[in-house]
Amino acid sequence: MKKILVTGAGGFIGHHLVSYLKKEGHWVRGVDIKFPEYGPTSADEFLPLDLRRWEHCLQATRDVDEVYALAADMGGMGFISANHARILHNNALINFHTLEAARANAVKRYLYTSSACIYPEYKQMETEVTPLKEEDAYPAAPQDAYGWEKLIAERLCMHYREDYGIQTRIVRFHNIFGPLGTWDGGREKAPAALCRKIAVAKLTENPEIEIWGDGEQTRSFCYIDDCVKGIYKLMQSDYPEPLNLGQDRLVSIDQLADIIAKIAGLRIVKRHVPGPQGVRGRNSDNTRLREVLGWEPEISLEEGLARTYAWIEKQVPARTTESKQKRETSRIAQIKPSQLL
C-alpha cells in the first residue's frame, strides 16, 4: 500500500481516480479547493486547500509517496477561450508550487496531467487531421494560454527529473468524458454539453439543439474508466517522457451529436450557431501508448456515451426544477408590497 496524493480530487477525473486508487488498495489523500459535486469522495483524507498558495502545497504533499497532479482551473472551449489570463495565472501557480513542494517533501513519484492542447495549431487546421505524435509538440505553437501553460509545466517536470531526481511522469489527455463530470454552467466539454442539450430536447419535446460552428470540426474522445486505468499504468511504468492518452477514433461534432441522439432515442434538428470551436481537427496517435504500456483504451465511444448520457439524463429534470424554483423565488422577492394589494 502506498500513500498517494491526488490534487484536483474534487473535479471530474480526480474524483474517479481517487476511487480507482482505493480499489487498488492504496491510502489516498484528496486535495481540492472544493469537494466533489456529484457524490462523496472515497479518499481516506480530503483537505480543502487552495494550491495556488505555497503553504497549502507543502501541507498537501507532506508524508506521501506519490502525487497525481490533476488540479487545474479549466473547462470546455467556451471557458478556455474567454479566460486566458486567469487560466495561465492560476494554473502556473498551482503547478509550480505543487511540484516544488513535492520535491521539498521528498515525494518519490509525480505524475503531471497535461493536455492535447499543447500541440501546435498549425498541425490541426484540417478536419481530416493526421493523428498527433508526442514529438509533434515542437516547434511549439499551442492555440491558447491553457496549452502554453501545460507545455511549460511539462518542461518543468522534465527539468525537476533531470536536476533533482524526482521521478516525473507526463500524460497528455485527449478529451476525457464520462459520468460525474460538469455538464452545465459553462465549463462543460462537448460530450457533456451535447448530452445535456439532447436530454433537455427530449424532456421538452423540442428536437432543436444548438451546435457551435458548422459541426464538422473533429476530435477523438476517451471514456473516464480507460483514462484512470491508463494514468495508473503510466505511473507504475519507467517511462519519463510525455505520453498521449486517448482514443484514436476521429469523429465530427455533428457525428457525436447523432450518436448521442440515437442513444436517447430522439430525432434531433441541429442549429449551427457562432461559438468557440478550438482547432479544426485533433486526433491521438496511440503508437507509443501501445509500445510503452502494452495497452490502449478499450471502451468504445458508443458505450461510453451511453453511460454518460444515462447519468446526465437523470440530472436534467432535477436541475430544471431547481432553476425554475430559483427564478420564481427571485421573482417573488422583487414584488413590492404595494403590488400585492
Protein backbone atom coordinates (compact mmCIF):
# COMPACT_ATOMS: atom_id res chain seq x y z
CA MET A 1 0.00 0.00 0.00
CA LYS A 2 1.29 3.44 -0.97
CA LYS A 3 0.32 6.81 0.44
CA ILE A 4 -0.88 8.83 -2.53
CA LEU A 5 -1.95 12.43 -3.04
CA VAL A 6 -4.46 13.32 -5.76
CA THR A 7 -4.74 17.05 -6.41
CA GLY A 8 -7.91 18.21 -8.11
CA ALA A 9 -9.72 15.40 -6.27
CA GLY A 10 -12.93 17.44 -6.24
CA GLY A 11 -13.01 17.52 -10.03
CA PHE A 12 -14.20 15.02 -12.61
CA ILE A 13 -11.07 12.97 -13.34
CA GLY A 14 -9.67 13.37 -9.83
CA HIS A 15 -12.88 12.07 -8.23
CA HIS A 16 -12.76 8.93 -10.41
CA LEU A 17 -9.03 8.47 -9.86
CA VAL A 18 -9.39 8.53 -6.07
CA SER A 19 -11.98 5.74 -6.29
CA TYR A 20 -9.71 3.71 -8.61
CA LEU A 21 -6.68 4.06 -6.34
CA LYS A 22 -8.71 3.00 -3.32
CA LYS A 23 -9.83 -0.14 -5.18
CA GLU A 24 -6.15 -0.86 -5.88
CA GLY A 25 -5.56 -0.87 -2.12
CA HIS A 26 -3.78 2.45 -1.56
CA TRP A 27 -4.19 5.12 1.11
CA VAL A 28 -5.34 8.29 -0.65
CA ARG A 29 -5.37 11.96 0.30
CA GLY A 30 -7.58 14.13 -1.87
CA VAL A 31 -6.98 17.86 -2.15
CA ASP A 32 -9.05 20.49 -3.93
CA ILE A 33 -10.50 23.94 -3.46
CA LYS A 34 -13.93 22.24 -3.49
CA PHE A 35 -15.45 18.88 -2.61
CA PRO A 36 -16.78 16.58 -5.38
CA GLU A 37 -20.11 17.90 -6.64
CA TYR A 38 -21.88 14.68 -7.61
CA GLY A 39 -21.03 12.21 -4.86
CA PRO A 40 -18.93 11.67 -1.73
CA THR A 41 -15.19 11.17 -2.08
CA SER A 42 -13.59 7.78 -1.43
CA ALA A 43 -10.41 9.43 -0.12
CA ASP A 44 -9.09 8.44 3.30
CA GLU A 45 -8.45 12.12 3.88
CA PHE A 46 -9.78 15.12 1.95
CA LEU A 47 -8.24 18.54 2.53
CA PRO A 48 -9.95 21.66 1.14
CA LEU A 49 -6.84 23.62 0.13
CA ASP A 50 -6.01 26.33 -2.40
CA LEU A 51 -2.96 25.05 -4.30
CA ARG A 52 -2.18 28.50 -5.66
CA ARG A 53 -0.77 29.08 -2.16
CA TRP A 54 2.71 27.71 -1.36
CA GLU A 55 1.94 26.78 2.25
CA HIS A 56 -1.11 24.78 1.15
CA CYS A 57 1.03 22.84 -1.33
CA LEU A 58 3.51 21.99 1.41
CA GLN A 59 0.67 20.70 3.57
CA ALA A 60 -0.86 18.70 0.72
CA THR A 61 2.37 16.92 -0.29
CA ARG A 62 3.57 16.06 3.21
CA ASP A 63 4.14 12.34 4.05
CA VAL A 64 3.07 10.85 0.70
CA ASP A 65 4.94 8.55 -1.68
CA GLU A 66 3.34 9.66 -4.94
CA VAL A 67 1.48 12.66 -6.33
CA TYR A 68 -1.06 12.61 -9.15
CA ALA A 69 -1.24 16.30 -10.10
CA LEU A 70 -4.64 16.94 -11.66
CA ALA A 71 -5.55 20.31 -10.12
CA ALA A 72 -6.30 22.98 -12.73
CA ASP A 73 -8.58 25.92 -13.44
CA MET A 74 -10.14 24.76 -16.70
CA GLY A 75 -13.25 23.85 -18.66
CA GLY A 76 -14.52 23.42 -22.20
CA MET A 77 -13.74 25.68 -25.17
CA GLY A 78 -16.24 28.31 -24.04
CA PHE A 79 -14.35 28.77 -20.77
CA ILE A 80 -10.81 28.30 -22.13
CA SER A 81 -11.26 30.83 -24.95
CA ALA A 82 -12.58 33.54 -22.61
CA ASN A 83 -10.22 33.27 -19.61
CA HIS A 84 -6.64 33.28 -20.89
CA ALA A 85 -5.07 35.43 -18.14
CA ARG A 86 -6.94 33.67 -15.34
CA ILE A 87 -6.04 30.20 -16.62
CA LEU A 88 -2.36 30.98 -17.16
CA HIS A 89 -2.00 32.74 -13.80
CA ASN A 90 -3.86 30.21 -11.64
CA ASN A 91 -2.51 27.06 -13.25
CA ALA A 92 1.08 28.29 -13.27
CA LEU A 93 0.86 28.95 -9.53
CA ILE A 94 -0.74 25.55 -8.88
CA ASN A 95 1.81 23.58 -10.88
CA PHE A 96 4.96 25.45 -9.89
CA HIS A 97 4.11 25.37 -6.18
CA THR A 98 2.91 21.75 -6.13
CA LEU A 99 5.97 20.35 -7.91
CA GLU A 100 8.41 22.31 -5.73
CA ALA A 101 6.54 21.26 -2.58
CA ALA A 102 6.72 17.62 -3.72
CA ARG A 103 10.48 17.98 -4.12
CA ALA A 104 10.81 19.66 -0.72
CA ASN A 105 8.84 16.82 0.90
CA ALA A 106 10.89 14.10 -0.87
CA VAL A 107 7.98 12.67 -2.89
CA LYS A 108 9.23 9.71 -4.93
CA ARG A 109 6.99 9.91 -7.99
CA TYR A 110 4.99 12.74 -9.52
CA LEU A 111 2.53 12.37 -12.40
CA TYR A 112 1.57 15.54 -14.21
CA THR A 113 -1.63 15.63 -16.26
CA SER A 114 -1.03 17.64 -19.40
CA SER A 115 -3.33 18.03 -22.39
CA ALA A 116 -3.55 17.60 -26.15
CA CYS A 117 -4.00 21.39 -26.15
CA ILE A 118 -0.18 21.64 -26.08
CA TYR A 119 0.04 20.55 -29.73
CA PRO A 120 0.69 23.23 -32.37
CA GLU A 121 -2.29 24.84 -34.00
CA TYR A 122 -0.58 24.60 -37.42
CA LYS A 123 -0.88 20.79 -37.25
CA GLN A 124 -4.62 20.92 -36.57
CA MET A 125 -6.01 23.07 -39.38
CA GLU A 126 -7.99 20.36 -41.22
CA THR A 127 -10.87 18.12 -40.14
CA GLU A 128 -9.13 15.01 -41.54
CA VAL A 129 -6.13 15.69 -39.32
CA THR A 130 -3.09 13.43 -39.11
CA PRO A 131 -3.05 11.83 -35.62
CA LEU A 132 -0.69 13.70 -33.32
CA LYS A 133 2.50 12.00 -32.17
CA GLU A 134 4.23 13.02 -28.96
CA GLU A 135 7.17 14.58 -30.82
CA ASP A 136 4.77 16.85 -32.75
CA ALA A 137 4.69 19.19 -29.75
CA TYR A 138 7.68 21.08 -31.18
CA PRO A 139 8.22 23.62 -32.69
CA ALA A 140 5.74 24.83 -30.09
CA ALA A 141 2.65 26.85 -31.05
CA PRO A 142 -0.33 25.97 -28.82
CA GLN A 143 -3.57 27.76 -29.67
CA ASP A 144 -4.29 29.32 -26.30
CA ALA A 145 -2.99 30.12 -22.80
CA TYR A 146 -4.20 26.78 -21.43
CA GLY A 147 -1.99 24.89 -23.90
CA TRP A 148 1.04 27.12 -23.29
CA GLU A 149 0.81 26.69 -19.53
CA LYS A 150 0.52 22.92 -19.85
CA LEU A 151 3.57 22.79 -22.09
CA ILE A 152 5.62 24.94 -19.71
CA ALA A 153 4.66 22.65 -16.80
CA GLU A 154 5.76 19.63 -18.86
CA ARG A 155 9.18 21.27 -19.27
CA LEU A 156 9.33 21.97 -15.55
CA CYS A 157 8.67 18.30 -14.77
CA MET A 158 11.42 17.28 -17.16
CA HIS A 159 13.96 19.61 -15.53
CA TYR A 160 12.97 18.56 -11.99
CA ARG A 161 13.62 14.95 -13.00
CA GLU A 162 16.99 15.82 -14.52
CA ASP A 163 18.14 18.24 -11.81
CA TYR A 164 16.59 16.82 -8.62
CA GLY A 165 15.95 13.15 -9.39
CA ILE A 166 12.20 13.14 -8.73
CA GLN A 167 10.58 10.51 -10.95
CA THR A 168 8.14 12.52 -13.06
CA ARG A 169 5.57 11.12 -15.46
CA ILE A 170 3.62 13.19 -18.02
CA VAL A 171 0.32 12.24 -19.62
CA ARG A 172 -1.42 14.19 -22.39
CA PHE A 173 -5.20 13.80 -22.20
CA HIS A 174 -7.33 13.73 -25.34
CA ASN A 175 -10.91 14.78 -24.45
CA ILE A 176 -11.87 12.70 -21.43
CA PHE A 177 -15.60 12.27 -20.73
CA GLY A 178 -17.99 10.30 -18.54
CA PRO A 179 -20.45 10.48 -15.62
CA LEU A 180 -19.89 12.65 -12.54
CA GLY A 181 -18.41 15.47 -14.62
CA THR A 182 -19.51 19.06 -15.17
CA TRP A 183 -22.43 19.06 -17.61
CA ASP A 184 -23.77 22.63 -17.40
CA GLY A 185 -22.80 26.11 -16.24
CA GLY A 186 -20.25 26.98 -18.93
CA ARG A 187 -17.27 24.76 -18.04
CA GLU A 188 -18.62 21.54 -19.55
CA LYS A 189 -16.94 19.93 -22.57
CA ALA A 190 -18.56 18.87 -25.82
CA PRO A 191 -19.79 15.34 -24.91
CA ALA A 192 -21.43 16.53 -21.68
CA ALA A 193 -22.86 19.66 -23.32
CA LEU A 194 -24.42 17.63 -26.14
CA CYS A 195 -25.78 15.03 -23.71
CA ARG A 196 -27.42 17.85 -21.74
CA LYS A 197 -28.86 19.56 -24.83
CA ILE A 198 -30.31 16.31 -26.15
CA ALA A 199 -31.70 15.35 -22.73
CA VAL A 200 -33.39 18.76 -22.49
CA ALA A 201 -34.70 18.39 -26.04
CA LYS A 202 -36.20 15.03 -25.10
CA LEU A 203 -37.69 16.39 -21.88
CA THR A 204 -39.23 19.46 -23.51
CA GLU A 205 -40.19 17.67 -26.75
CA ASN A 206 -38.33 20.36 -28.72
CA PRO A 207 -35.88 18.49 -31.00
CA GLU A 208 -33.75 21.52 -31.90
CA ILE A 209 -30.24 21.74 -30.41
CA GLU A 210 -27.52 24.33 -30.90
CA ILE A 211 -24.04 23.35 -32.08
CA TRP A 212 -21.15 25.81 -32.17
CA GLY A 213 -19.67 26.25 -35.63
CA ASP A 214 -20.51 24.10 -38.65
CA GLY A 215 -20.29 20.84 -36.71
CA GLU A 216 -17.58 19.49 -38.99
CA GLN A 217 -14.73 20.08 -36.50
CA THR A 218 -13.28 16.74 -35.39
CA ARG A 219 -11.95 15.19 -32.18
CA SER A 220 -11.34 11.84 -30.50
CA PHE A 221 -12.96 11.10 -27.12
CA CYS A 222 -11.79 8.81 -24.31
CA TYR A 223 -14.03 7.38 -21.59
CA ILE A 224 -13.10 8.08 -17.96
CA ASP A 225 -12.58 4.44 -16.90
CA ASP A 226 -9.91 4.00 -19.58
CA CYS A 227 -8.37 7.32 -18.55
CA VAL A 228 -7.80 6.42 -14.90
CA LYS A 229 -6.53 2.96 -15.79
CA GLY A 230 -4.05 4.50 -18.22
CA ILE A 231 -2.86 7.05 -15.65
CA TYR A 232 -2.22 4.30 -13.12
CA LYS A 233 -0.34 2.16 -15.64
CA LEU A 234 1.86 5.10 -16.63
CA MET A 235 2.71 5.91 -13.01
CA GLN A 236 3.87 2.32 -12.46
CA SER A 237 5.98 2.35 -15.63
CA ASP A 238 9.56 3.58 -16.03
CA TYR A 239 8.68 5.86 -18.97
CA PRO A 240 9.57 9.51 -18.21
CA GLU A 241 8.59 11.27 -21.46
CA PRO A 242 5.16 12.76 -22.34
CA LEU A 243 2.60 10.16 -23.47
CA ASN A 244 -0.72 10.54 -25.26
CA LEU A 245 -3.77 9.06 -23.54
CA GLY A 246 -6.93 8.98 -25.62
CA GLN A 247 -8.91 7.13 -28.22
CA ASP A 248 -7.71 7.29 -31.82
CA ARG A 249 -11.14 7.26 -33.46
CA LEU A 250 -11.87 10.59 -35.15
CA VAL A 251 -15.46 11.87 -35.22
CA SER A 252 -17.04 15.23 -36.05
CA ILE A 253 -19.12 17.14 -33.52
CA ASP A 254 -22.18 16.55 -35.73
CA GLN A 255 -21.45 12.80 -35.66
CA LEU A 256 -21.04 12.95 -31.89
CA ALA A 257 -24.47 14.57 -31.59
CA ASP A 258 -26.01 11.91 -33.85
CA ILE A 259 -24.56 9.09 -31.72
CA ILE A 260 -25.98 10.63 -28.54
CA ALA A 261 -29.36 11.27 -30.18
CA LYS A 262 -29.54 7.61 -31.22
CA ILE A 263 -28.76 6.57 -27.63
CA ALA A 264 -31.53 8.91 -26.41
CA GLY A 265 -33.97 7.57 -28.98
CA LEU A 266 -34.55 11.07 -30.33
CA ARG A 267 -34.50 12.56 -33.82
CA ILE A 268 -32.77 15.93 -33.44
CA VAL A 269 -32.62 19.08 -35.52
CA LYS A 270 -29.18 20.72 -35.46
CA ARG A 271 -28.91 24.52 -35.49
CA HIS A 272 -25.37 25.67 -36.10
CA VAL A 273 -24.53 28.94 -34.35
CA PRO A 274 -21.39 31.04 -33.87
CA GLY A 275 -19.23 29.97 -30.93
CA PRO A 276 -15.70 28.96 -29.92
CA GLN A 277 -14.57 25.80 -31.69
CA GLY A 278 -10.89 25.38 -30.91
CA VAL A 279 -8.70 23.78 -33.56
CA ARG A 280 -10.29 22.36 -36.70
CA GLY A 281 -9.28 18.76 -36.06
CA ARG A 282 -7.40 16.75 -33.42
CA ASN A 283 -6.71 13.04 -33.00
CA SER A 284 -4.35 10.94 -30.89
CA ASP A 285 -1.61 8.74 -32.29
CA ASN A 286 -1.52 5.82 -29.85
CA THR A 287 1.52 4.04 -31.28
CA ARG A 288 3.75 4.95 -28.35
CA LEU A 289 0.99 4.31 -25.80
CA ARG A 290 0.73 0.72 -27.04
CA GLU A 291 4.52 0.31 -27.05
CA VAL A 292 5.06 1.73 -23.55
CA LEU A 293 2.08 0.30 -21.66
CA GLY A 294 1.17 -2.71 -23.82
CA TRP A 295 -2.37 -1.36 -23.60
CA GLU A 296 -4.73 1.21 -25.09
CA PRO A 297 -8.26 2.46 -24.27
CA GLU A 298 -10.80 -0.32 -24.61
CA ILE A 299 -14.25 1.21 -24.08
CA SER A 300 -15.98 2.22 -27.30
CA LEU A 301 -17.30 5.72 -27.88
CA GLU A 302 -20.86 4.40 -28.08
CA GLU A 303 -20.60 2.50 -24.79
CA GLY A 304 -19.02 5.45 -23.00
CA LEU A 305 -21.61 7.88 -24.33
CA ALA A 306 -24.46 5.54 -23.36
CA ARG A 307 -23.24 5.52 -19.74
CA THR A 308 -22.67 9.27 -19.76
CA TYR A 309 -26.00 10.14 -21.35
CA ALA A 310 -27.92 7.93 -18.91
CA TRP A 311 -26.34 9.77 -15.99
CA ILE A 312 -26.88 13.27 -17.40
CA GLU A 313 -30.47 12.49 -18.41
CA LYS A 314 -31.17 11.78 -14.73
CA GLN A 315 -29.61 15.10 -13.67
CA VAL A 316 -31.51 17.34 -16.09
CA PRO A 317 -35.05 17.20 -14.60
CA ALA A 318 -33.81 17.95 -11.09
CA ARG A 319 -31.66 20.87 -12.27
CA THR A 320 -34.52 22.21 -14.42
CA THR A 321 -36.89 22.12 -11.44
CA GLU A 322 -34.27 23.75 -9.22
CA SER A 323 -33.75 26.56 -11.76
CA LYS A 324 -37.48 27.18 -12.02
CA GLN A 325 -37.77 27.38 -8.23
CA LYS A 326 -34.88 29.88 -8.06
CA ARG A 327 -36.44 32.05 -10.76
CA GLU A 328 -39.79 32.01 -9.01
CA THR A 329 -38.20 32.85 -5.64
CA SER A 330 -36.32 35.73 -7.27
CA ARG A 331 -39.49 36.99 -8.96
CA ILE A 332 -41.47 36.96 -5.70
CA ALA A 333 -38.62 38.73 -3.87
CA GLN A 334 -38.77 41.56 -6.39
CA ILE A 335 -42.51 42.18 -5.91
CA LYS A 336 -43.19 45.36 -3.96
CA PRO A 337 -45.70 45.22 -1.09
CA SER A 338 -47.97 47.65 -2.92
CA GLN A 339 -48.25 45.19 -5.81
CA LEU A 340 -49.79 42.62 -3.50
CA LEU A 341 -52.74 44.88 -2.61
